[in-house]
Structures are given as C-alpha cells and as structure tokens.
Amino acid sequence: MVKISGNVMSSDNQPLVGVTVIVEGTVLGTTTGLDGDYTLSVPAGSVVTFSLLGYETKKFSLLGYETKK
C-alpha cells in the first residue's frame, strides 16, 4: 500500500469540503475535510477518482509514481 495525501481546491483557490476520493474498483476511500485535506492508503498503481456534485470528476493513475522515502 502507498499513502497518498493532499488538498483539493476550487479554481478560485478555496478548499473543497466533502470531495469523495476513492480507489477505482474498490471500496477504499475517504472524503476531504474542512481544509480540503485527504489522506488515503492505496495499492500501488491504483487509479484514484475525485468527485463532488456540481464538479467534473477527475481520475488520476498512480502507475509510475515513485514513493517518497
């Protein structure tokens, strides 16, 4: 498993609260907090989906990303 974390922000640099962050094809997921923060442990090479009602859903592949040591 690889730990990922970050902040989800709007186009006007405001934190987005309640964004669903889920590993595609699994039940692994979380939602963003009050500051748009999220942390999630995911299998290496996963596709992570970010979605929120009223916004375009975004998918990011972790294939090829290196883990920080």
Protein backbone atom coordinates (compact mmCIF):
# COMPACT_ATOMS: atom_id res chain seq x y z
CA MET A 1 0.00 0.00 0.00
CA VAL A 2 1.07 3.57 -0.72
CA LYS A 3 -0.04 6.52 1.40
CA ILE A 4 -1.32 9.49 -0.63
CA SER A 5 -2.40 12.85 0.71
CA GLY A 6 -3.14 16.35 -0.49
CA ASN A 7 -5.61 19.20 -0.72
CA VAL A 8 -8.48 19.62 -3.16
CA MET A 9 -9.05 23.25 -4.11
CA SER A 10 -11.51 25.06 -6.38
CA SER A 11 -10.41 27.12 -9.36
CA ASP A 12 -10.53 30.21 -7.12
CA ASN A 13 -8.22 28.53 -4.58
CA GLN A 14 -10.90 27.70 -1.99
CA PRO A 15 -10.83 24.32 -0.21
CA LEU A 16 -13.48 21.84 -1.40
CA VAL A 17 -15.14 20.06 1.52
CA GLY A 18 -16.73 16.63 1.07
CA VAL A 19 -14.98 15.56 -2.13
CA THR A 20 -15.15 11.76 -2.46
CA VAL A 21 -11.69 10.27 -3.01
CA ILE A 22 -11.96 6.59 -3.95
CA VAL A 23 -9.73 3.89 -5.41
CA GLU A 24 -11.41 2.78 -8.64
CA GLY A 25 -12.80 -0.76 -8.45
CA THR A 26 -12.58 -0.97 -4.64
CA VAL A 27 -14.36 0.21 -1.52
CA LEU A 28 -11.24 2.07 -0.34
CA GLY A 29 -11.95 5.76 0.00
CA THR A 30 -12.33 8.87 2.07
CA THR A 31 -13.75 12.40 1.86
CA THR A 32 -11.97 15.73 2.11
CA GLY A 33 -12.09 17.65 5.37
CA LEU A 34 -12.76 21.31 6.15
CA ASP A 35 -9.47 22.40 4.56
CA GLY A 36 -9.90 20.16 1.50
CA ASP A 37 -7.36 17.72 3.02
CA TYR A 38 -7.34 13.98 2.42
CA THR A 39 -5.09 11.03 3.29
CA LEU A 40 -5.59 7.52 1.95
CA SER A 41 -3.60 4.27 1.72
CA VAL A 42 -3.96 2.76 -1.74
CA PRO A 43 -2.49 -0.21 -3.63
CA ALA A 44 0.50 0.76 -5.81
CA GLY A 45 -0.52 1.52 -9.41
CA SER A 46 -4.13 2.39 -8.49
CA VAL A 47 -6.47 4.81 -10.23
CA VAL A 48 -7.89 7.35 -7.77
CA THR A 49 -11.15 9.17 -8.54
CA PHE A 50 -12.11 12.56 -7.09
CA SER A 51 -15.78 13.54 -7.32
CA LEU A 52 -18.14 16.18 -5.93
CA LEU A 53 -21.65 17.06 -7.03
CA GLY A 54 -21.56 20.03 -9.42
CA TYR A 55 -17.91 19.47 -10.40
CA GLU A 56 -16.24 17.42 -13.12
CA THR A 57 -15.00 14.04 -11.86
CA LYS A 58 -11.21 13.64 -12.16
CA LYS A 59 -9.22 10.39 -12.31
CA PHE A 60 -5.51 10.06 -11.63
CA SER A 61 -3.36 7.00 -12.22
CA LEU A 62 -0.63 6.32 -9.68
CA LEU A 63 1.15 3.99 -12.09
CA GLY A 64 4.74 5.09 -12.46
CA TYR A 65 4.76 7.42 -9.46
CA GLU A 66 7.60 6.91 -7.02
CA THR A 67 7.02 6.71 -3.29
CA LYS A 68 8.75 9.21 -1.01
CA LYS A 69 11.27 7.73 1.39
